[in-house]
C-alpha atoms as a PDB file:
ATOM      1  CA  MET A   1     -49.429 -17.710 -26.059  1.00  0.00           C
ATOM      2  CA  THR A   2     -46.277 -15.663 -26.626  1.00  0.00           C
ATOM      3  CA  GLU A   3     -47.924 -12.560 -25.135  1.00  0.00           C
ATOM      4  CA  MET A   4     -48.913 -14.477 -22.024  1.00  0.00           C
ATOM      5  CA  THR A   5     -45.308 -15.630 -21.519  1.00  0.00           C
ATOM      6  CA  ASP A   6     -43.969 -12.074 -21.932  1.00  0.00           C
ATOM      7  CA  THR A   7     -46.511 -10.681 -19.466  1.00  0.00           C
ATOM      8  CA  THR A   8     -45.637 -13.156 -16.740  1.00  0.00           C
ATOM      9  CA  ALA A   9     -41.868 -12.810 -17.323  1.00  0.00           C
ATOM     10  CA  THR A  10     -41.769  -9.123 -16.405  1.00  0.00           C
ATOM     11  CA  PRO A  11     -43.095  -9.442 -12.845  1.00  0.00           C
ATOM     12  CA  ARG A  12     -40.769 -12.397 -12.228  1.00  0.00           C
ATOM     13  CA  GLY A  13     -37.809 -10.321 -13.399  1.00  0.00           C
ATOM     14  CA  GLU A  14     -38.874  -7.454 -11.145  1.00  0.00           C
ATOM     15  CA  ARG A  15     -39.281  -9.793  -8.186  1.00  0.00           C
ATOM     16  CA  THR A  16     -35.834 -11.257  -8.818  1.00  0.00           C
ATOM     17  CA  ARG A  17     -34.283  -7.787  -8.955  1.00  0.00           C
ATOM     18  CA  GLU A  18     -36.081  -6.736  -5.764  1.00  0.00           C
ATOM     19  CA  ALA A  19     -34.891  -9.883  -3.989  1.00  0.00           C
ATOM     20  CA  THR A  20     -31.338  -9.201  -5.146  1.00  0.00           C
ATOM     21  CA  ASP A  21     -31.572  -5.573  -4.014  1.00  0.00           C
ATOM     22  CA  ARG A  22     -32.736  -6.695  -0.566  1.00  0.00           C
ATOM     23  CA  LYS A  23     -29.796  -9.093  -0.262  1.00  0.00           C
ATOM     24  CA  LEU A  24     -27.390  -6.331  -1.254  1.00  0.00           C
ATOM     25  CA  MET A  25     -29.013  -3.844   1.142  1.00  0.00           C
ATOM     26  CA  ARG A  26     -28.822  -6.260   4.059  1.00  0.00           C
ATOM     27  CA  ALA A  27     -25.235  -7.316   3.361  1.00  0.00           C
ATOM     28  CA  THR A  28     -23.997  -3.753   2.790  1.00  0.00           C
ATOM     29  CA  LEU A  29     -25.552  -2.478   6.017  1.00  0.00           C
ATOM     30  CA  GLN A  30     -24.173  -5.421   8.017  1.00  0.00           C
ATOM     31  CA  ILE A  31     -20.658  -4.897   6.663  1.00  0.00           C
ATOM     32  CA  ALA A  32     -20.796  -1.118   7.183  1.00  0.00           C
ATOM     33  CA  VAL A  33     -21.862  -1.631  10.801  1.00  0.00           C
ATOM     34  CA  ASP A  34     -19.451  -4.491  11.554  1.00  0.00           C
ATOM     35  CA  ARG A  35     -16.352  -3.214   9.732  1.00  0.00           C
ATOM     36  CA  GLY A  36     -17.011   0.425   8.975  1.00  0.00           C
ATOM     37  CA  ILE A  37     -17.599   2.024   5.592  1.00  0.00           C
ATOM     38  CA  SER A  38     -14.069   1.192   4.431  1.00  0.00           C
ATOM     39  CA  GLY A  39     -14.867  -2.485   4.929  1.00  0.00           C
ATOM     40  CA  VAL A  40     -17.550  -2.413   2.239  1.00  0.00           C
ATOM     41  CA  THR A  41     -16.057  -3.955  -0.880  1.00  0.00           C
ATOM     42  CA  ILE A  42     -17.759  -5.592  -3.837  1.00  0.00           C
ATOM     43  CA  GLU A  43     -16.044  -8.860  -2.913  1.00  0.00           C
ATOM     44  CA  GLU A  44     -17.283  -8.806   0.694  1.00  0.00           C
ATOM     45  CA  VAL A  45     -20.803  -7.790  -0.323  1.00  0.00           C
ATOM     46  CA  ALA A  46     -20.854 -10.672  -2.806  1.00  0.00           C
ATOM     47  CA  ARG A  47     -19.636 -13.093  -0.142  1.00  0.00           C
ATOM     48  CA  ARG A  48     -22.191 -12.034   2.477  1.00  0.00           C
ATOM     49  CA  SER A  49     -25.140 -11.572   0.145  1.00  0.00           C
ATOM     50  CA  GLY A  50     -24.619 -14.631  -2.046  1.00  0.00           C
ATOM     51  CA  VAL A  51     -25.024 -12.399  -5.111  1.00  0.00           C
ATOM     52  CA  ALA A  52     -22.391 -13.026  -7.786  1.00  0.00           C
ATOM     53  CA  LYS A  53     -19.696 -10.366  -8.179  1.00  0.00           C
ATOM     54  CA  THR A  54     -20.468 -10.171 -11.895  1.00  0.00           C
ATOM     55  CA  THR A  55     -24.086  -9.297 -11.086  1.00  0.00           C
ATOM     56  CA  ILE A  56     -23.016  -6.574  -8.654  1.00  0.00           C
ATOM     57  CA  TYR A  57     -20.467  -5.124 -11.095  1.00  0.00           C
ATOM     58  CA  ARG A  58     -23.158  -4.962 -13.788  1.00  0.00           C
ATOM     59  CA  ARG A  59     -25.067  -2.604 -11.505  1.00  0.00           C
ATOM     60  CA  TYR A  60     -22.295  -0.725  -9.710  1.00  0.00           C
ATOM     61  CA  HIS A  61     -18.837   0.316 -10.915  1.00  0.00           C
ATOM     62  CA  ASN A  62     -17.284   0.320  -7.443  1.00  0.00           C
ATOM     63  CA  ALA A  63     -18.013   0.171  -3.715  1.00  0.00           C
ATOM     64  CA  ASP A  64     -18.614   3.942  -3.450  1.00  0.00           C
ATOM     65  CA  GLU A  65     -21.351   3.782  -6.060  1.00  0.00           C
ATOM     66  CA  LEU A  66     -22.800   0.723  -4.329  1.00  0.00           C
ATOM     67  CA  LEU A  67     -22.916   2.523  -0.972  1.00  0.00           C
ATOM     68  CA  HIS A  68     -24.557   5.600  -2.489  1.00  0.00           C
ATOM     69  CA  GLU A  69     -27.226   3.638  -4.349  1.00  0.00           C
ATOM     70  CA  ILE A  70     -27.927   1.220  -1.501  1.00  0.00           C
ATOM     71  CA  SER A  71     -28.462   4.034   1.012  1.00  0.00           C
ATOM     72  CA  ALA A  72     -30.928   5.631  -1.414  1.00  0.00           C
ATOM     73  CA  MET A  73     -32.972   2.415  -1.487  1.00  0.00           C
ATOM     74  CA  TYR A  74     -34.032   2.860   2.135  1.00  0.00           C
ATOM     75  CA  LEU A  75     -37.388   4.556   1.802  1.00  0.00           C
ATOM     76  CA  ALA A  76     -39.056   6.743   4.377  1.00  0.00           C
ATOM     77  CA  ILE A  77     -41.496   5.221   6.817  1.00  0.00           C
ATOM     78  CA  PRO A  78     -44.944   5.816   5.319  1.00  0.00           C
ATOM     79  CA  ASP A  79     -47.130   8.044   7.436  1.00  0.00           C
ATOM     80  CA  PRO A  80     -50.680   9.217   7.037  1.00  0.00           C
ATOM     81  CA  ASP A  81     -51.251  12.737   5.866  1.00  0.00           C
ATOM     82  CA  PRO A  82     -52.390  14.881   7.587  1.00  0.00           C
ATOM     83  CA  VAL A  83     -51.091  14.181  11.094  1.00  0.00           C
ATOM     84  CA  PRO A  84     -53.494  11.737  12.775  1.00  0.00           C
ATOM     85  CA  SER A  85     -55.675  12.865  15.653  1.00  0.00           C
ATOM     86  CA  PRO A  86     -54.146  12.387  19.129  1.00  0.00           C
ATOM     87  CA  THR A  87     -55.656   9.043  20.105  1.00  0.00           C
ATOM     88  CA  ARG A  88     -54.046   5.990  21.675  1.00  0.00           C
ATOM     89  CA  GLU A  89     -54.906   3.967  18.563  1.00  0.00           C
ATOM     90  CA  HIS A  90     -53.070   6.405  16.301  1.00  0.00           C
ATOM     91  CA  PHE A  91     -50.102   6.514  18.694  1.00  0.00           C
ATOM     92  CA  THR A  92     -49.877   2.717  18.515  1.00  0.00           C
ATOM     93  CA  GLN A  93     -50.056   2.880  14.715  1.00  0.00           C
ATOM     94  CA  LEU A  94     -47.141   5.339  14.612  1.00  0.00           C
ATOM     95  CA  LEU A  95     -45.066   2.980  16.751  1.00  0.00           C
ATOM     96  CA  GLN A  96     -46.052   0.012  14.597  1.00  0.00           C
ATOM     97  CA  ARG A  97     -44.930   1.833  11.444  1.00  0.00           C
ATOM     98  CA  LEU A  98     -41.429   2.021  12.894  1.00  0.00           C
ATOM     99  CA  VAL A  99     -41.402  -1.745  13.551  1.00  0.00           C
ATOM    100  CA  ASP A 100     -42.825  -2.510  10.106  1.00  0.00           C
ATOM    101  CA  TRP A 101     -40.168  -0.379   8.438  1.00  0.00           C
ATOM    102  CA  VAL A 102     -37.391  -2.186  10.326  1.00  0.00           C
ATOM    103  CA  ARG A 103     -38.847  -5.550   9.285  1.00  0.00           C
ATOM    104  CA  ASP A 104     -39.523  -4.580   5.671  1.00  0.00           C
ATOM    105  CA  ASN A 105     -35.973  -3.285   5.195  1.00  0.00           C
ATOM    106  CA  ASP A 106     -34.364  -6.278   6.922  1.00  0.00           C
ATOM    107  CA  ILE A 107     -32.548  -4.072   9.403  1.00  0.00           C
ATOM    108  CA  ASP A 108     -31.085  -5.919  12.370  1.00  0.00           C
ATOM    109  CA  VAL A 109     -32.559  -4.070  15.354  1.00  0.00           C
ATOM    110  CA  LYS A 110     -29.283  -4.480  17.247  1.00  0.00           C
ATOM    111  CA  ARG A 111     -27.611  -2.347  14.573  1.00  0.00           C
ATOM    112  CA  VAL A 112     -30.079   0.546  14.776  1.00  0.00           C
ATOM    113  CA  GLY A 113     -28.062   2.291  17.508  1.00  0.00           C
ATOM    114  CA  ILE A 114     -24.916   2.245  15.385  1.00  0.00           C
ATOM    115  CA  VAL A 115     -26.796   3.595  12.379  1.00  0.00           C
ATOM    116  CA  LEU A 116     -28.229   6.442  14.460  1.00  0.00           C
ATOM    117  CA  SER A 117     -24.957   7.434  16.115  1.00  0.00           C
ATOM    118  CA  SER A 118     -22.606   7.211  13.127  1.00  0.00           C
ATOM    119  CA  GLU A 119     -21.512  10.320  11.249  1.00  0.00           C
ATOM    120  CA  ALA A 120     -20.679   8.393   8.069  1.00  0.00           C
ATOM    121  CA  GLU A 121     -22.568   9.707   5.037  1.00  0.00           C
ATOM    122  CA  PHE A 122     -23.970   6.253   4.241  1.00  0.00           C
ATOM    123  CA  PHE A 123     -25.657   5.983   7.642  1.00  0.00           C
ATOM    124  CA  GLN A 124     -26.574   9.661   7.791  1.00  0.00           C
ATOM    125  CA  HIS A 125     -28.466   9.363   4.531  1.00  0.00           C
ATOM    126  CA  ILE A 126     -30.548   6.515   5.980  1.00  0.00           C
ATOM    127  CA  VAL A 127     -31.239   8.563   9.108  1.00  0.00           C
ATOM    128  CA  ASP A 128     -32.175  11.654   7.073  1.00  0.00           C
ATOM    129  CA  GLN A 129     -34.406   9.694   4.703  1.00  0.00           C
ATOM    130  CA  VAL A 130     -36.069   7.475   7.265  1.00  0.00           C
ATOM    131  CA  VAL A 131     -35.674   8.151  10.951  1.00  0.00           C
ATOM    132  CA  THR A 132     -35.775  11.957  10.951  1.00  0.00           C
ATOM    133  CA  PRO A 133     -39.072  12.230   9.011  1.00  0.00           C
ATOM    134  CA  TRP A 134     -40.635   9.642  11.322  1.00  0.00           C
ATOM    135  CA  LEU A 135     -39.470  11.517  14.409  1.00  0.00           C
ATOM    136  CA  GLU A 136     -40.798  14.775  12.949  1.00  0.00           C
ATOM    137  CA  HIS A 137     -44.160  13.138  12.318  1.00  0.00           C
ATOM    138  CA  VAL A 138     -44.371  11.887  15.906  1.00  0.00           C
ATOM    139  CA  GLY A 139     -43.367  15.371  17.055  1.00  0.00           C
ATOM    140  CA  ALA A 140     -46.187  16.891  15.004  1.00  0.00           C
ATOM    141  CA  PHE A 141     -48.575  14.325  16.504  1.00  0.00           C
ATOM    142  CA  LEU A 142     -47.524  15.408  20.019  1.00  0.00           C
ATOM    143  CA  LYS A 143     -47.874  19.115  19.207  1.00  0.00           C
ATOM    144  CA  GLN A 144     -51.348  18.529  17.820  1.00  0.00           C
ATOM    145  CA  GLY A 145     -52.281  16.699  21.023  1.00  0.00           C
ATOM    146  CA  VAL A 146     -51.081  19.645  23.094  1.00  0.00           C
ATOM    147  CA  ALA A 147     -52.955  22.121  20.887  1.00  0.00           C
ATOM    148  CA  GLN A 148     -56.167  20.118  21.273  1.00  0.00           C
ATOM    149  CA  GLY A 149     -55.764  19.897  25.047  1.00  0.00           C
ATOM    150  CA  VAL A 150     -55.268  16.109  25.049  1.00  0.00           C
ATOM    151  CA  PHE A 151     -51.551  16.005  25.937  1.00  0.00           C
ATOM    152  CA  ARG A 152     -49.644  17.780  28.679  1.00  0.00           C
ATOM    153  CA  GLU A 153     -47.726  20.849  27.590  1.00  0.00           C
ATOM    154  CA  ASP A 154     -44.627  19.847  29.553  1.00  0.00           C
ATOM    155  CA  VAL A 155     -44.047  16.513  27.795  1.00  0.00           C
ATOM    156  CA  ASP A 156     -40.327  16.162  27.097  1.00  0.00           C
ATOM    157  CA  GLU A 157     -40.519  15.394  23.381  1.00  0.00           C
ATOM    158  CA  LYS A 158     -36.828  14.534  22.963  1.00  0.00           C
ATOM    159  CA  LEU A 159     -36.887  12.184  25.946  1.00  0.00           C
ATOM    160  CA  LEU A 160     -40.029  10.500  24.657  1.00  0.00           C
ATOM    161  CA  LEU A 161     -38.547   9.969  21.191  1.00  0.00           C
ATOM    162  CA  SER A 162     -35.279   8.723  22.696  1.00  0.00           C
ATOM    163  CA  THR A 163     -37.250   6.299  24.866  1.00  0.00           C
ATOM    164  CA  ILE A 164     -39.083   4.916  21.832  1.00  0.00           C
ATOM    165  CA  ILE A 165     -35.921   4.413  19.787  1.00  0.00           C
ATOM    166  CA  GLY A 166     -33.979   3.113  22.800  1.00  0.00           C
ATOM    167  CA  SER A 167     -36.674   0.573  23.569  1.00  0.00           C
ATOM    168  CA  LEU A 168     -36.639  -0.638  19.979  1.00  0.00           C
ATOM    169  CA  VAL A 169     -32.863  -1.126  20.136  1.00  0.00           C
ATOM    170  CA  ALA A 170     -32.824  -2.803  23.567  1.00  0.00           C
ATOM    171  CA  TYR A 171     -35.958  -4.919  23.222  1.00  0.00           C
ATOM    172  CA  GLU A 172     -34.392  -7.939  21.551  1.00  0.00           C
ATOM    173  CA  ALA A 173     -31.532  -8.143  24.037  1.00  0.00           C
ATOM    174  CA  ILE A 174     -33.776  -7.880  27.082  1.00  0.00           C
ATOM    175  CA  GLU A 175     -36.670 -10.010  25.842  1.00  0.00           C
ATOM    176  CA  GLY A 176     -34.415 -12.586  24.223  1.00  0.00           C
ATOM    177  CA  LYS A 177     -36.496 -12.812  21.059  1.00  0.00           C
ATOM    178  CA  ALA A 178     -36.415 -11.117  17.694  1.00  0.00           C
ATOM    179  CA  MET A 179     -38.732  -8.215  16.963  1.00  0.00           C
ATOM    180  CA  ASP A 180     -40.010 -10.263  14.016  1.00  0.00           C
ATOM    181  CA  ASP A 181     -41.342 -12.849  16.461  1.00  0.00           C
ATOM    182  CA  ASP A 182     -43.295 -10.394  18.590  1.00  0.00           C
ATOM    183  CA  THR A 183     -46.137  -8.243  17.318  1.00  0.00           C
ATOM    184  CA  ALA A 184     -46.894  -6.736  20.719  1.00  0.00           C
ATOM    185  CA  TRP A 185     -44.058  -4.189  21.091  1.00  0.00           C
ATOM    186  CA  ALA A 186     -45.994  -1.228  19.657  1.00  0.00           C
ATOM    187  CA  SER A 187     -49.049  -1.929  21.774  1.00  0.00           C
ATOM    188  CA  ARG A 188     -46.994  -2.484  24.930  1.00  0.00           C
ATOM    189  CA  MET A 189     -45.043   0.721  24.361  1.00  0.00           C
ATOM    190  CA  ALA A 190     -48.284   2.613  23.835  1.00  0.00           C
ATOM    191  CA  ASP A 191     -49.635   1.170  27.118  1.00  0.00           C
ATOM    192  CA  LEU A 192     -46.507   2.346  28.904  1.00  0.00           C
ATOM    193  CA  LEU A 193     -46.182   5.815  27.383  1.00  0.00           C
ATOM    194  CA  TRP A 194     -49.754   6.923  26.707  1.00  0.00           C
ATOM    195  CA  PRO A 195     -50.681   7.745  30.345  1.00  0.00           C
ATOM    196  CA  ALA A 196     -47.569   9.938  30.606  1.00  0.00           C
ATOM    197  CA  LEU A 197     -48.744  12.022  27.654  1.00  0.00           C
ATOM    198  CA  LEU A 198     -52.251  12.735  28.855  1.00  0.00           C
ATOM    199  CA  LYS A 199     -53.182  16.033  30.439  1.00  0.00           C
END
């Protein structure tokens, strides 16, 4: 009976810590975007996240350590390996991975543009860990399509990638609904962009 209690307690503790980490991640990113990096304090993170200051101080000595550790929590968008074959289905899947990552990390889509354009180390780390590898993977997908004679050789890769990211940022404002409420963005973007890629 004691063993059973110990076994079930561990996952609950892990789930609690993960939930707390997500609250801290969300609050820290929101504050950094709204007020700048200097606006991130333990007190403000506690207020926005609902996590007690004592809990935060048990994990982090100060706001600088919090920022460093929180930015490291943002994990890269998972991608298949090797690069998928150049099909519309795989293109849609690549787009969907971007949406899933945004949802899973509780990133407000409206803040993505600020994250991408900021030179602050906190934001740059997120871009380097997450966005850049995803963009590189899409770039490799496009190059493979060109090499196999599926895609046009004159596709403007930078413009295409900018269009994808820009659409993600603007979608909520134009459509008037949260990305979380719409599962069709990836498919609709694929419908729009796929014909422009084909040879």
